[in-house]
Amino acid sequence: MARMGNRKKSTTENILQFPSNRSNFLKKILVTGGAGFLGSHLCESLLTANYEVICVDNLSTGRIENIKHLLDLSNFIFRRHDVRTPLNVKVDAIFNFASPASPPAYQADPIGTLFTNVVGARNLLELARRRDAVIVQASTSEVYGDPLVSPQREDYFGNVSTIGPRACYDEGKRCAETLFFDYHRLYGLKIKVARIFNTYGPRMRPDDGRVISNFIVQALRNEPITIYGSGLQTRSFCYVDNLIGGFRKFLDTSDAVTGPINLGNPTELTVIDLAERIIRLTNSKSPIVHLLPAVDDPQQRRPDVSRAAVQLGWRPYVDVEDGLLSTIAYFDLALRHAAAGN
């Protein structure tokens, strides 16, 4: 396993302690997909702000270990449940993060993924309607498909495939957005839709198939780093603390701010540049190998976050290398524990 050399300390200060415009009104918040990578960080953030949190997850891709440190807290409840089945709880706000999000996970059960995003969204919208709750949708940059414009603005309708292997996720999220805005128009439901661009950080699964987790695990093991295609395709990587801060700020906006709003880091990197940085930061001996391009793999991902800057007062602040150092440290420890049989 590659040994990490002297690393500068990550400067991921907690940006989540800001005054909440809704704090006097919202007390109990439901987070679906709350045991996942992003959902667990959101639950933790809301708990630090003294909200009561109900975490729902069917544990298909989420992990109890992500929320284990929260289970004994008096203002936290975990409920194992699949959002494709209706649920009835008393809540003031809902964050819908329920969906597999990595290509291997959502392609393993494409019909289940589609139904989670569509039927699950409808069930949660109905719950929000019954409870007069605000509901926040974790949508995705995948709604833009393989974009023909860069950076991607929220008024861009995308270049998408309805029949490819990624469509179960991409089209599921697109349809969910449609449902959200129809419920808003028909019933006056309080909605907020955020489009998440590539996000990384501690609690990512080492086997989730995403580019950063793949590269870090391969580098720490001194295995070949596998790049699909030329490596000249670009991605924009947002550290998890930044993203969760954006969602928190979104919740605090007035009901008139519905989105969609891009949340991501506008700093663009090629995939091969990312691989070389990770090799350097891990002191790895991994070679880089190129495989055939993945089907429907977007060639560019870069958000225009000007709407988030204006409407939320939000921009990402964590430097990519600082975020990578924090993520590498997490994976380094996780792999050592796994090797020791812990």
C-alpha atoms as a PDB file:
ATOM      1  CA  MET A   1       0.000   0.000   0.000  1.00  0.00           C
ATOM      2  CA  ALA A   2       1.355   3.410  -0.906  1.00  0.00           C
ATOM      3  CA  ARG A   3       2.469   5.485   2.041  1.00  0.00           C
ATOM      4  CA  MET A   4       1.396   9.072   2.276  1.00  0.00           C
ATOM      5  CA  GLY A   5       4.164  11.580   2.754  1.00  0.00           C
ATOM      6  CA  ASN A   6       4.012  14.864   4.598  1.00  0.00           C
ATOM      7  CA  ARG A   7       0.727  16.438   3.769  1.00  0.00           C
ATOM      8  CA  LYS A   8      -0.529  19.891   4.435  1.00  0.00           C
ATOM      9  CA  LYS A   9      -3.570  19.932   6.656  1.00  0.00           C
ATOM     10  CA  SER A  10      -6.971  20.257   4.995  1.00  0.00           C
ATOM     11  CA  THR A  11      -8.611  23.586   5.765  1.00  0.00           C
ATOM     12  CA  THR A  12     -12.197  22.384   5.683  1.00  0.00           C
ATOM     13  CA  GLU A  13     -13.545  24.628   8.417  1.00  0.00           C
ATOM     14  CA  ASN A  14     -17.166  24.165   9.363  1.00  0.00           C
ATOM     15  CA  ILE A  15     -19.188  26.580   7.225  1.00  0.00           C
ATOM     16  CA  LEU A  16     -22.481  25.228   8.441  1.00  0.00           C
ATOM     17  CA  GLN A  17     -22.959  27.469  11.460  1.00  0.00           C
ATOM     18  CA  PHE A  18     -24.853  30.309   9.855  1.00  0.00           C
ATOM     19  CA  PRO A  19     -28.118  31.867  11.031  1.00  0.00           C
ATOM     20  CA  SER A  20     -31.174  30.074   9.665  1.00  0.00           C
ATOM     21  CA  ASN A  21     -34.050  32.179   8.406  1.00  0.00           C
ATOM     22  CA  ARG A  22     -36.300  29.165   8.953  1.00  0.00           C
ATOM     23  CA  SER A  23     -34.909  28.017  12.294  1.00  0.00           C
ATOM     24  CA  ASN A  24     -37.863  29.414  14.208  1.00  0.00           C
ATOM     25  CA  PHE A  25     -40.275  27.435  12.038  1.00  0.00           C
ATOM     26  CA  LEU A  26     -38.587  24.149  11.081  1.00  0.00           C
ATOM     27  CA  LYS A  27     -37.925  21.638  13.818  1.00  0.00           C
ATOM     28  CA  LYS A  28     -38.140  18.138  12.378  1.00  0.00           C
ATOM     29  CA  ILE A  29     -36.429  17.247   9.102  1.00  0.00           C
ATOM     30  CA  LEU A  30     -36.631  14.020   7.107  1.00  0.00           C
ATOM     31  CA  VAL A  31     -33.530  12.992   5.144  1.00  0.00           C
ATOM     32  CA  THR A  32     -34.101  10.121   2.721  1.00  0.00           C
ATOM     33  CA  GLY A  33     -30.971   8.300   1.629  1.00  0.00           C
ATOM     34  CA  GLY A  34     -29.626   9.536   4.945  1.00  0.00           C
ATOM     35  CA  ALA A  35     -27.151   6.692   5.461  1.00  0.00           C
ATOM     36  CA  GLY A  36     -25.435   7.365   2.143  1.00  0.00           C
ATOM     37  CA  PHE A  37     -22.316   9.395   1.452  1.00  0.00           C
ATOM     38  CA  LEU A  38     -24.044  12.763   1.069  1.00  0.00           C
ATOM     39  CA  GLY A  39     -27.084  12.031   3.205  1.00  0.00           C
ATOM     40  CA  SER A  40     -25.021  11.130   6.267  1.00  0.00           C
ATOM     41  CA  HIS A  41     -23.074  14.387   6.056  1.00  0.00           C
ATOM     42  CA  LEU A  42     -26.360  16.289   5.749  1.00  0.00           C
ATOM     43  CA  CYS A  43     -27.837  14.513   8.795  1.00  0.00           C
ATOM     44  CA  GLU A  44     -24.738  15.370  10.811  1.00  0.00           C
ATOM     45  CA  SER A  45     -24.888  19.008   9.725  1.00  0.00           C
ATOM     46  CA  LEU A  46     -28.568  19.370  10.615  1.00  0.00           C
ATOM     47  CA  LEU A  47     -28.001  17.795  14.025  1.00  0.00           C
ATOM     48  CA  THR A  48     -25.246  20.295  14.799  1.00  0.00           C
ATOM     49  CA  ALA A  49     -27.849  23.006  14.173  1.00  0.00           C
ATOM     50  CA  ASN A  50     -30.177  21.345  16.714  1.00  0.00           C
ATOM     51  CA  TYR A  51     -32.800  20.089  14.278  1.00  0.00           C
ATOM     52  CA  GLU A  52     -34.583  16.828  14.950  1.00  0.00           C
ATOM     53  CA  VAL A  53     -33.595  14.475  12.132  1.00  0.00           C
ATOM     54  CA  ILE A  54     -35.392  11.401  10.833  1.00  0.00           C
ATOM     55  CA  CYS A  55     -33.011   9.447   8.641  1.00  0.00           C
ATOM     56  CA  VAL A  56     -34.599   7.010   6.174  1.00  0.00           C
ATOM     57  CA  ASP A  57     -32.580   4.560   4.075  1.00  0.00           C
ATOM     58  CA  ASN A  58     -33.142   1.061   2.688  1.00  0.00           C
ATOM     59  CA  LEU A  59     -29.369   0.414   2.958  1.00  0.00           C
ATOM     60  CA  SER A  60     -29.086  -0.757  -0.638  1.00  0.00           C
ATOM     61  CA  THR A  61     -26.100   1.548  -1.090  1.00  0.00           C
ATOM     62  CA  GLY A  62     -26.124   3.463   2.201  1.00  0.00           C
ATOM     63  CA  ARG A  63     -24.218   2.093   5.195  1.00  0.00           C
ATOM     64  CA  ILE A  64     -25.064   2.026   8.894  1.00  0.00           C
ATOM     65  CA  GLU A  65     -21.419   2.792   9.673  1.00  0.00           C
ATOM     66  CA  ASN A  66     -21.908   6.234   8.083  1.00  0.00           C
ATOM     67  CA  ILE A  67     -24.415   7.173  10.792  1.00  0.00           C
ATOM     68  CA  LYS A  68     -23.263   4.912  13.631  1.00  0.00           C
ATOM     69  CA  HIS A  69     -21.941   7.886  15.582  1.00  0.00           C
ATOM     70  CA  LEU A  70     -25.387   9.524  15.410  1.00  0.00           C
ATOM     71  CA  LEU A  71     -27.593   6.626  16.517  1.00  0.00           C
ATOM     72  CA  ASP A  72     -27.500   7.399  20.245  1.00  0.00           C
ATOM     73  CA  LEU A  73     -28.354  11.078  19.856  1.00  0.00           C
ATOM     74  CA  SER A  74     -31.747  12.020  21.265  1.00  0.00           C
ATOM     75  CA  ASN A  75     -32.679  14.155  18.265  1.00  0.00           C
ATOM     76  CA  PHE A  76     -31.833  11.492  15.672  1.00  0.00           C
ATOM     77  CA  ILE A  77     -34.020   8.617  14.494  1.00  0.00           C
ATOM     78  CA  PHE A  78     -33.019   6.015  11.920  1.00  0.00           C
ATOM     79  CA  ARG A  79     -35.720   4.146  10.030  1.00  0.00           C
ATOM     80  CA  ARG A  80     -35.000   1.458   7.469  1.00  0.00           C
ATOM     81  CA  HIS A  81     -37.461   2.066   4.672  1.00  0.00           C
ATOM     82  CA  ASP A  82     -37.678   2.073   0.874  1.00  0.00           C
ATOM     83  CA  VAL A  83     -39.145   5.303  -0.485  1.00  0.00           C
ATOM     84  CA  ARG A  84     -40.896   3.371  -3.244  1.00  0.00           C
ATOM     85  CA  THR A  85     -43.341   2.540  -0.446  1.00  0.00           C
ATOM     86  CA  PRO A  86     -45.241   5.526   1.026  1.00  0.00           C
ATOM     87  CA  LEU A  87     -44.372   6.628   4.540  1.00  0.00           C
ATOM     88  CA  ASN A  88     -46.173   8.850   6.993  1.00  0.00           C
ATOM     89  CA  VAL A  89     -44.174  10.884   9.496  1.00  0.00           C
ATOM     90  CA  LYS A  90     -44.619  14.322  11.000  1.00  0.00           C
ATOM     91  CA  VAL A  91     -41.992  16.592   9.472  1.00  0.00           C
ATOM     92  CA  ASP A  92     -41.473  20.246   8.648  1.00  0.00           C
ATOM     93  CA  ALA A  93     -38.988  19.729   5.821  1.00  0.00           C
ATOM     94  CA  ILE A  94     -37.761  16.900   3.589  1.00  0.00           C
ATOM     95  CA  PHE A  95     -34.434  16.383   1.823  1.00  0.00           C
ATOM     96  CA  ASN A  96     -34.740  13.702  -0.852  1.00  0.00           C
ATOM     97  CA  PHE A  97     -31.349  12.038  -1.379  1.00  0.00           C
ATOM     98  CA  ALA A  98     -32.791   8.560  -1.954  1.00  0.00           C
ATOM     99  CA  SER A  99     -31.193   7.011  -5.040  1.00  0.00           C
ATOM    100  CA  PRO A 100     -28.128   5.021  -6.021  1.00  0.00           C
ATOM    101  CA  ALA A 101     -25.766   7.618  -7.466  1.00  0.00           C
ATOM    102  CA  SER A 102     -22.747   5.805  -8.899  1.00  0.00           C
ATOM    103  CA  PRO A 103     -22.983   4.139 -12.327  1.00  0.00           C
ATOM    104  CA  PRO A 104     -22.230   0.578 -11.099  1.00  0.00           C
ATOM    105  CA  ALA A 105     -24.855   0.911  -8.345  1.00  0.00           C
ATOM    106  CA  TYR A 106     -27.667   2.348 -10.429  1.00  0.00           C
ATOM    107  CA  GLN A 107     -26.957   0.118 -13.427  1.00  0.00           C
ATOM    108  CA  ALA A 108     -27.071  -2.992 -11.214  1.00  0.00           C
ATOM    109  CA  ASP A 109     -30.833  -2.481 -10.804  1.00  0.00           C
ATOM    110  CA  PRO A 110     -31.879  -0.021 -13.515  1.00  0.00           C
ATOM    111  CA  ILE A 111     -35.630  -0.493 -13.108  1.00  0.00           C
ATOM    112  CA  GLY A 112     -35.350  -0.160  -9.346  1.00  0.00           C
ATOM    113  CA  THR A 113     -33.289   2.999  -9.810  1.00  0.00           C
ATOM    114  CA  LEU A 114     -35.880   4.531 -12.127  1.00  0.00           C
ATOM    115  CA  PHE A 115     -38.722   3.704  -9.746  1.00  0.00           C
ATOM    116  CA  THR A 116     -36.812   5.040  -6.743  1.00  0.00           C
ATOM    117  CA  ASN A 117     -36.393   8.377  -8.491  1.00  0.00           C
ATOM    118  CA  VAL A 118     -39.938   8.612  -9.872  1.00  0.00           C
ATOM    119  CA  VAL A 119     -42.241   6.674  -7.526  1.00  0.00           C
ATOM    120  CA  GLY A 120     -40.101   7.627  -4.538  1.00  0.00           C
ATOM    121  CA  ALA A 121     -40.264  11.306  -5.477  1.00  0.00           C
ATOM    122  CA  ARG A 122     -44.040  11.147  -5.835  1.00  0.00           C
ATOM    123  CA  ASN A 123     -44.435   9.486  -2.423  1.00  0.00           C
ATOM    124  CA  LEU A 124     -42.321  12.180  -0.791  1.00  0.00           C
ATOM    125  CA  LEU A 125     -44.119  14.974  -2.613  1.00  0.00           C
ATOM    126  CA  GLU A 126     -47.414  13.584  -1.322  1.00  0.00           C
ATOM    127  CA  LEU A 127     -45.974  13.497   2.199  1.00  0.00           C
ATOM    128  CA  ALA A 128     -44.821  17.105   1.860  1.00  0.00           C
ATOM    129  CA  ARG A 129     -48.259  18.065   0.564  1.00  0.00           C
ATOM    130  CA  ARG A 130     -50.023  16.419   3.526  1.00  0.00           C
ATOM    131  CA  ARG A 131     -47.676  18.019   6.044  1.00  0.00           C
ATOM    132  CA  ASP A 132     -47.325  21.396   4.307  1.00  0.00           C
ATOM    133  CA  ALA A 133     -43.572  20.808   4.423  1.00  0.00           C
ATOM    134  CA  VAL A 134     -40.854  22.282   2.246  1.00  0.00           C
ATOM    135  CA  ILE A 135     -39.175  19.581   0.148  1.00  0.00           C
ATOM    136  CA  VAL A 136     -35.671  19.764  -1.308  1.00  0.00           C
ATOM    137  CA  GLN A 137     -34.720  17.504  -4.220  1.00  0.00           C
ATOM    138  CA  ALA A 138     -31.160  16.279  -4.693  1.00  0.00           C
ATOM    139  CA  SER A 139     -31.107  16.272  -8.487  1.00  0.00           C
ATOM    140  CA  THR A 140     -27.976  15.849 -10.571  1.00  0.00           C
ATOM    141  CA  SER A 141     -25.802  17.313 -13.291  1.00  0.00           C
ATOM    142  CA  GLU A 142     -26.633  14.127 -15.220  1.00  0.00           C
ATOM    143  CA  VAL A 143     -29.846  15.858 -16.328  1.00  0.00           C
ATOM    144  CA  TYR A 144     -27.585  17.718 -18.790  1.00  0.00           C
ATOM    145  CA  GLY A 145     -26.409  14.439 -20.356  1.00  0.00           C
ATOM    146  CA  ASP A 146     -23.292  14.808 -22.500  1.00  0.00           C
ATOM    147  CA  PRO A 147     -23.505  18.601 -22.771  1.00  0.00           C
ATOM    148  CA  LEU A 148     -22.816  20.539 -25.941  1.00  0.00           C
ATOM    149  CA  VAL A 149     -22.240  23.775 -24.003  1.00  0.00           C
ATOM    150  CA  SER A 150     -19.842  24.590 -21.188  1.00  0.00           C
ATOM    151  CA  PRO A 151     -20.218  25.626 -18.463  1.00  0.00           C
ATOM    152  CA  GLN A 152     -23.704  24.221 -17.918  1.00  0.00           C
ATOM    153  CA  ARG A 153     -26.328  26.749 -16.869  1.00  0.00           C
ATOM    154  CA  GLU A 154     -29.655  25.850 -15.344  1.00  0.00           C
ATOM    155  CA  ASP A 155     -31.525  27.007 -18.464  1.00  0.00           C
ATOM    156  CA  TYR A 156     -29.669  24.481 -20.650  1.00  0.00           C
ATOM    157  CA  PHE A 157     -31.981  21.562 -21.529  1.00  0.00           C
ATOM    158  CA  GLY A 158     -29.202  19.043 -22.105  1.00  0.00           C
ATOM    159  CA  ASN A 159     -28.051  16.463 -24.633  1.00  0.00           C
ATOM    160  CA  VAL A 160     -29.436  13.214 -23.281  1.00  0.00           C
ATOM    161  CA  SER A 161     -30.109   9.608 -24.240  1.00  0.00           C
ATOM    162  CA  THR A 162     -33.334   7.950 -23.104  1.00  0.00           C
ATOM    163  CA  ILE A 163     -32.175   4.437 -24.055  1.00  0.00           C
ATOM    164  CA  GLY A 164     -28.568   4.130 -22.865  1.00  0.00           C
ATOM    165  CA  PRO A 165     -27.313   2.289 -19.773  1.00  0.00           C
ATOM    166  CA  ARG A 166     -27.191   5.520 -17.745  1.00  0.00           C
ATOM    167  CA  ALA A 167     -30.737   6.572 -18.648  1.00  0.00           C
ATOM    168  CA  CYS A 168     -32.315   4.842 -15.639  1.00  0.00           C
ATOM    169  CA  TYR A 169     -30.622   7.421 -13.423  1.00  0.00           C
ATOM    170  CA  ASP A 170     -30.489  10.418 -15.759  1.00  0.00           C
ATOM    171  CA  GLU A 171     -34.109  10.167 -16.890  1.00  0.00           C
ATOM    172  CA  GLY A 172     -35.291   9.234 -13.400  1.00  0.00           C
ATOM    173  CA  LYS A 173     -33.838  12.472 -12.072  1.00  0.00           C
ATOM    174  CA  ARG A 174     -35.239  14.479 -14.988  1.00  0.00           C
ATOM    175  CA  CYS A 175     -38.699  13.036 -14.404  1.00  0.00           C
ATOM    176  CA  ALA A 176     -38.431  13.760 -10.680  1.00  0.00           C
ATOM    177  CA  GLU A 177     -37.734  17.413 -11.467  1.00  0.00           C
ATOM    178  CA  THR A 178     -40.859  17.446 -13.630  1.00  0.00           C
ATOM    179  CA  LEU A 179     -42.910  16.049 -10.748  1.00  0.00           C
ATOM    180  CA  PHE A 180     -41.527  18.642  -8.342  1.00  0.00           C
ATOM    181  CA  PHE A 181     -42.435  21.575 -10.532  1.00  0.00           C
ATOM    182  CA  ASP A 182     -45.866  20.139 -11.382  1.00  0.00           C
ATOM    183  CA  TYR A 183     -46.646  19.767  -7.666  1.00  0.00           C
ATOM    184  CA  HIS A 184     -45.473  23.336  -7.168  1.00  0.00           C
ATOM    185  CA  ARG A 185     -47.702  24.666  -9.966  1.00  0.00           C
ATOM    186  CA  LEU A 186     -50.755  22.546  -9.146  1.00  0.00           C
ATOM    187  CA  TYR A 187     -50.704  22.581  -5.352  1.00  0.00           C
ATOM    188  CA  GLY A 188     -48.452  25.478  -4.401  1.00  0.00           C
ATOM    189  CA  LEU A 189     -46.049  23.019  -2.759  1.00  0.00           C
ATOM    190  CA  LYS A 190     -42.867  24.550  -1.351  1.00  0.00           C
ATOM    191  CA  ILE A 191     -40.106  22.967  -3.444  1.00  0.00           C
ATOM    192  CA  LYS A 192     -36.388  23.447  -3.995  1.00  0.00           C
ATOM    193  CA  VAL A 193     -34.393  21.580  -6.668  1.00  0.00           C
ATOM    194  CA  ALA A 194     -30.590  21.454  -6.576  1.00  0.00           C
ATOM    195  CA  ARG A 195     -28.469  19.850  -9.309  1.00  0.00           C
ATOM    196  CA  ILE A 196     -25.416  18.187  -7.782  1.00  0.00           C
ATOM    197  CA  PHE A 197     -22.171  18.088  -9.734  1.00  0.00           C
ATOM    198  CA  ASN A 198     -19.349  15.630  -8.944  1.00  0.00           C
ATOM    199  CA  THR A 199     -18.863  15.600  -5.183  1.00  0.00           C
ATOM    200  CA  TYR A 200     -16.230  13.785  -3.138  1.00  0.00           C
ATOM    201  CA  GLY A 201     -14.995  13.378   0.409  1.00  0.00           C
ATOM    202  CA  PRO A 202     -14.927  11.027   3.399  1.00  0.00           C
ATOM    203  CA  ARG A 203     -17.574   8.249   3.525  1.00  0.00           C
ATOM    204  CA  MET A 204     -17.491   7.553  -0.184  1.00  0.00           C
ATOM    205  CA  ARG A 205     -17.639   3.815  -0.773  1.00  0.00           C
ATOM    206  CA  PRO A 206     -14.305   2.409  -1.964  1.00  0.00           C
ATOM    207  CA  ASP A 207     -16.183   0.217  -4.452  1.00  0.00           C
ATOM    208  CA  ASP A 208     -18.665   2.778  -5.756  1.00  0.00           C
ATOM    209  CA  GLY A 209     -17.036   3.078  -9.187  1.00  0.00           C
ATOM    210  CA  ARG A 210     -16.682   6.869  -9.142  1.00  0.00           C
ATOM    211  CA  VAL A 211     -13.550   8.348 -10.563  1.00  0.00           C
ATOM    212  CA  ILE A 212     -12.086   9.825  -7.359  1.00  0.00           C
ATOM    213  CA  SER A 213     -12.712   6.759  -5.204  1.00  0.00           C
ATOM    214  CA  ASN A 214     -11.418   4.473  -7.972  1.00  0.00           C
ATOM    215  CA  PHE A 215      -8.230   6.467  -8.437  1.00  0.00           C
ATOM    216  CA  ILE A 216      -7.490   6.863  -4.708  1.00  0.00           C
ATOM    217  CA  VAL A 217      -7.998   3.168  -3.933  1.00  0.00           C
ATOM    218  CA  GLN A 218      -5.892   2.127  -6.919  1.00  0.00           C
ATOM    219  CA  ALA A 219      -3.148   4.595  -5.998  1.00  0.00           C
ATOM    220  CA  LEU A 220      -3.003   3.542  -2.344  1.00  0.00           C
ATOM    221  CA  ARG A 221      -2.695  -0.074  -3.464  1.00  0.00           C
ATOM    222  CA  ASN A 222      -0.100   0.803  -6.128  1.00  0.00           C
ATOM    223  CA  GLU A 223      -2.404  -0.769  -8.712  1.00  0.00           C
ATOM    224  CA  PRO A 224      -2.787   0.561 -12.270  1.00  0.00           C
ATOM    225  CA  ILE A 225      -5.018   3.619 -12.410  1.00  0.00           C
ATOM    226  CA  THR A 226      -7.650   2.895 -15.036  1.00  0.00           C
ATOM    227  CA  ILE A 227      -8.904   5.726 -17.224  1.00  0.00           C
ATOM    228  CA  TYR A 228     -11.800   5.131 -19.584  1.00  0.00           C
ATOM    229  CA  GLY A 229     -10.988   6.775 -22.896  1.00  0.00           C
ATOM    230  CA  SER A 230      -8.314   9.411 -23.479  1.00  0.00           C
ATOM    231  CA  GLY A 231      -8.525  11.023 -20.045  1.00  0.00           C
ATOM    232  CA  LEU A 232      -9.061  14.412 -21.666  1.00  0.00           C
ATOM    233  CA  GLN A 233     -12.700  14.438 -20.604  1.00  0.00           C
ATOM    234  CA  THR A 234     -13.226  16.985 -17.835  1.00  0.00           C
ATOM    235  CA  ARG A 235     -14.909  16.963 -14.447  1.00  0.00           C
ATOM    236  CA  SER A 236     -15.446  19.580 -11.750  1.00  0.00           C
ATOM    237  CA  PHE A 237     -15.095  18.245  -8.220  1.00  0.00           C
ATOM    238  CA  CYS A 238     -16.830  19.772  -5.185  1.00  0.00           C
ATOM    239  CA  TYR A 239     -15.821  18.838  -1.647  1.00  0.00           C
ATOM    240  CA  VAL A 240     -18.678  17.435   0.418  1.00  0.00           C
ATOM    241  CA  ASP A 241     -18.613  20.168   3.090  1.00  0.00           C
ATOM    242  CA  ASN A 242     -19.148  22.791   0.408  1.00  0.00           C
ATOM    243  CA  LEU A 243     -22.060  20.923  -1.128  1.00  0.00           C
ATOM    244  CA  ILE A 244     -23.858  20.376   2.188  1.00  0.00           C
ATOM    245  CA  GLY A 245     -23.385  24.048   2.989  1.00  0.00           C
ATOM    246  CA  GLY A 246     -25.119  24.863  -0.296  1.00  0.00           C
ATOM    247  CA  PHE A 247     -28.094  22.679   0.569  1.00  0.00           C
ATOM    248  CA  ARG A 248     -28.370  24.260   3.984  1.00  0.00           C
ATOM    249  CA  LYS A 249     -28.348  27.729   2.475  1.00  0.00           C
ATOM    250  CA  PHE A 250     -30.945  26.640  -0.093  1.00  0.00           C
ATOM    251  CA  LEU A 251     -33.292  25.501   2.667  1.00  0.00           C
ATOM    252  CA  ASP A 252     -33.004  28.926   4.298  1.00  0.00           C
ATOM    253  CA  THR A 253     -34.178  30.829   1.221  1.00  0.00           C
ATOM    254  CA  SER A 254     -37.688  32.145   0.726  1.00  0.00           C
ATOM    255  CA  ASP A 255     -40.393  29.966  -0.811  1.00  0.00           C
ATOM    256  CA  ALA A 256     -39.997  31.920  -4.060  1.00  0.00           C
ATOM    257  CA  VAL A 257     -36.513  30.416  -4.587  1.00  0.00           C
ATOM    258  CA  THR A 258     -37.332  27.041  -6.137  1.00  0.00           C
ATOM    259  CA  GLY A 259     -34.385  26.395  -8.450  1.00  0.00           C
ATOM    260  CA  PRO A 260     -33.185  24.471 -10.229  1.00  0.00           C
ATOM    261  CA  ILE A 261     -29.834  25.616  -8.892  1.00  0.00           C
ATOM    262  CA  ASN A 262     -26.447  24.103  -9.744  1.00  0.00           C
ATOM    263  CA  LEU A 263     -24.289  23.138  -6.769  1.00  0.00           C
ATOM    264  CA  GLY A 264     -20.736  22.235  -7.670  1.00  0.00           C
ATOM    265  CA  ASN A 265     -17.211  23.490  -8.173  1.00  0.00           C
ATOM    266  CA  PRO A 266     -16.601  25.413 -11.422  1.00  0.00           C
ATOM    267  CA  THR A 267     -12.884  24.515 -11.388  1.00  0.00           C
ATOM    268  CA  GLU A 268     -12.461  22.121 -14.311  1.00  0.00           C
ATOM    269  CA  LEU A 269      -9.897  19.282 -14.406  1.00  0.00           C
ATOM    270  CA  THR A 270      -9.141  16.644 -16.986  1.00  0.00           C
ATOM    271  CA  VAL A 271      -9.444  13.085 -15.730  1.00  0.00           C
ATOM    272  CA  ILE A 272      -5.770  12.438 -16.468  1.00  0.00           C
ATOM    273  CA  ASP A 273      -4.789  15.538 -14.471  1.00  0.00           C
ATOM    274  CA  LEU A 274      -6.829  14.192 -11.550  1.00  0.00           C
ATOM    275  CA  ALA A 275      -5.056  10.827 -11.788  1.00  0.00           C
ATOM    276  CA  GLU A 276      -1.623  12.473 -11.799  1.00  0.00           C
ATOM    277  CA  ARG A 277      -2.501  14.620  -8.769  1.00  0.00           C
ATOM    278  CA  ILE A 278      -3.682  11.617  -6.788  1.00  0.00           C
ATOM    279  CA  ILE A 279      -0.519   9.668  -7.665  1.00  0.00           C
ATOM    280  CA  ARG A 280       1.560  12.598  -6.428  1.00  0.00           C
ATOM    281  CA  LEU A 281      -0.457  13.145  -3.236  1.00  0.00           C
ATOM    282  CA  THR A 282      -0.316   9.450  -2.294  1.00  0.00           C
ATOM    283  CA  ASN A 283       3.320   8.917  -3.293  1.00  0.00           C
ATOM    284  CA  SER A 284       2.033   6.031  -5.364  1.00  0.00           C
ATOM    285  CA  LYS A 285       3.905   3.910  -7.902  1.00  0.00           C
ATOM    286  CA  SER A 286       0.720   3.259  -9.879  1.00  0.00           C
ATOM    287  CA  PRO A 287       0.980   3.399 -13.679  1.00  0.00           C
ATOM    288  CA  ILE A 288      -1.855   4.914 -15.713  1.00  0.00           C
ATOM    289  CA  VAL A 289      -3.630   2.620 -18.177  1.00  0.00           C
ATOM    290  CA  HIS A 290      -6.331   3.534 -20.673  1.00  0.00           C
ATOM    291  CA  LEU A 291      -9.416   1.411 -21.290  1.00  0.00           C
ATOM    292  CA  LEU A 292     -12.195   1.747 -23.858  1.00  0.00           C
ATOM    293  CA  PRO A 293     -14.492   4.749 -23.283  1.00  0.00           C
ATOM    294  CA  ALA A 294     -17.595   4.117 -21.172  1.00  0.00           C
ATOM    295  CA  VAL A 295     -20.967   4.288 -22.957  1.00  0.00           C
ATOM    296  CA  ASP A 296     -22.600   7.746 -22.792  1.00  0.00           C
ATOM    297  CA  ASP A 297     -19.783   9.066 -20.594  1.00  0.00           C
ATOM    298  CA  PRO A 298     -20.028  12.882 -20.598  1.00  0.00           C
ATOM    299  CA  GLN A 299     -16.992  14.616 -22.081  1.00  0.00           C
ATOM    300  CA  GLN A 300     -17.428  17.823 -20.064  1.00  0.00           C
ATOM    301  CA  ARG A 301     -18.779  18.621 -16.629  1.00  0.00           C
ATOM    302  CA  ARG A 302     -18.515  22.168 -15.375  1.00  0.00           C
ATOM    303  CA  PRO A 303     -21.270  24.039 -13.536  1.00  0.00           C
ATOM    304  CA  ASP A 304     -22.169  27.668 -13.877  1.00  0.00           C
ATOM    305  CA  VAL A 305     -22.808  28.531 -10.213  1.00  0.00           C
ATOM    306  CA  SER A 306     -23.676  32.199 -10.665  1.00  0.00           C
ATOM    307  CA  ARG A 307     -27.313  31.533  -9.744  1.00  0.00           C
ATOM    308  CA  ALA A 308     -26.224  29.920  -6.468  1.00  0.00           C
ATOM    309  CA  ALA A 309     -23.923  32.871  -5.780  1.00  0.00           C
ATOM    310  CA  VAL A 310     -26.746  35.377  -6.255  1.00  0.00           C
ATOM    311  CA  GLN A 311     -29.693  33.506  -4.745  1.00  0.00           C
ATOM    312  CA  LEU A 312     -27.930  31.588  -1.967  1.00  0.00           C
ATOM    313  CA  GLY A 313     -24.819  33.664  -1.340  1.00  0.00           C
ATOM    314  CA  TRP A 314     -22.867  30.448  -1.914  1.00  0.00           C
ATOM    315  CA  ARG A 315     -19.671  29.462  -3.641  1.00  0.00           C
ATOM    316  CA  PRO A 316     -17.377  26.489  -2.987  1.00  0.00           C
ATOM    317  CA  TYR A 317     -14.247  27.403  -1.026  1.00  0.00           C
ATOM    318  CA  VAL A 318     -12.287  24.175  -0.428  1.00  0.00           C
ATOM    319  CA  ASP A 319      -9.294  23.820  -2.740  1.00  0.00           C
ATOM    320  CA  VAL A 320      -9.340  20.594  -4.750  1.00  0.00           C
ATOM    321  CA  GLU A 321      -6.009  19.382  -3.378  1.00  0.00           C
ATOM    322  CA  ASP A 322      -7.023  20.109   0.218  1.00  0.00           C
ATOM    323  CA  GLY A 323     -10.200  18.125  -0.344  1.00  0.00           C
ATOM    324  CA  LEU A 324      -8.259  15.297  -1.966  1.00  0.00           C
ATOM    325  CA  LEU A 325      -5.886  15.129   0.998  1.00  0.00           C
ATOM    326  CA  SER A 326      -8.811  14.741   3.392  1.00  0.00           C
ATOM    327  CA  THR A 327     -10.404  12.078   1.183  1.00  0.00           C
ATOM    328  CA  ILE A 328      -7.125  10.191   0.723  1.00  0.00           C
ATOM    329  CA  ALA A 329      -6.623  10.118   4.498  1.00  0.00           C
ATOM    330  CA  TYR A 330     -10.110   8.636   4.919  1.00  0.00           C
ATOM    331  CA  PHE A 331      -9.509   5.898   2.344  1.00  0.00           C
ATOM    332  CA  ASP A 332      -6.014   5.198   3.669  1.00  0.00           C
ATOM    333  CA  LEU A 333      -7.452   4.486   7.119  1.00  0.00           C
ATOM    334  CA  ALA A 334     -10.404   2.504   5.751  1.00  0.00           C
ATOM    335  CA  LEU A 335      -8.172   0.266   3.646  1.00  0.00           C
ATOM    336  CA  ARG A 336      -5.799  -0.355   6.556  1.00  0.00           C
ATOM    337  CA  HIS A 337      -8.723  -1.325   8.804  1.00  0.00           C
ATOM    338  CA  ALA A 338     -10.028  -3.647   6.099  1.00  0.00           C
ATOM    339  CA  ALA A 339      -6.591  -5.235   5.664  1.00  0.00           C
ATOM    340  CA  ALA A 340      -6.386  -5.787   9.416  1.00  0.00           C
ATOM    341  CA  GLY A 341      -9.781  -7.477   9.400  1.00  0.00           C
ATOM    342  CA  ASN A 342     -11.524  -4.766  11.441  1.00  0.00           C
END
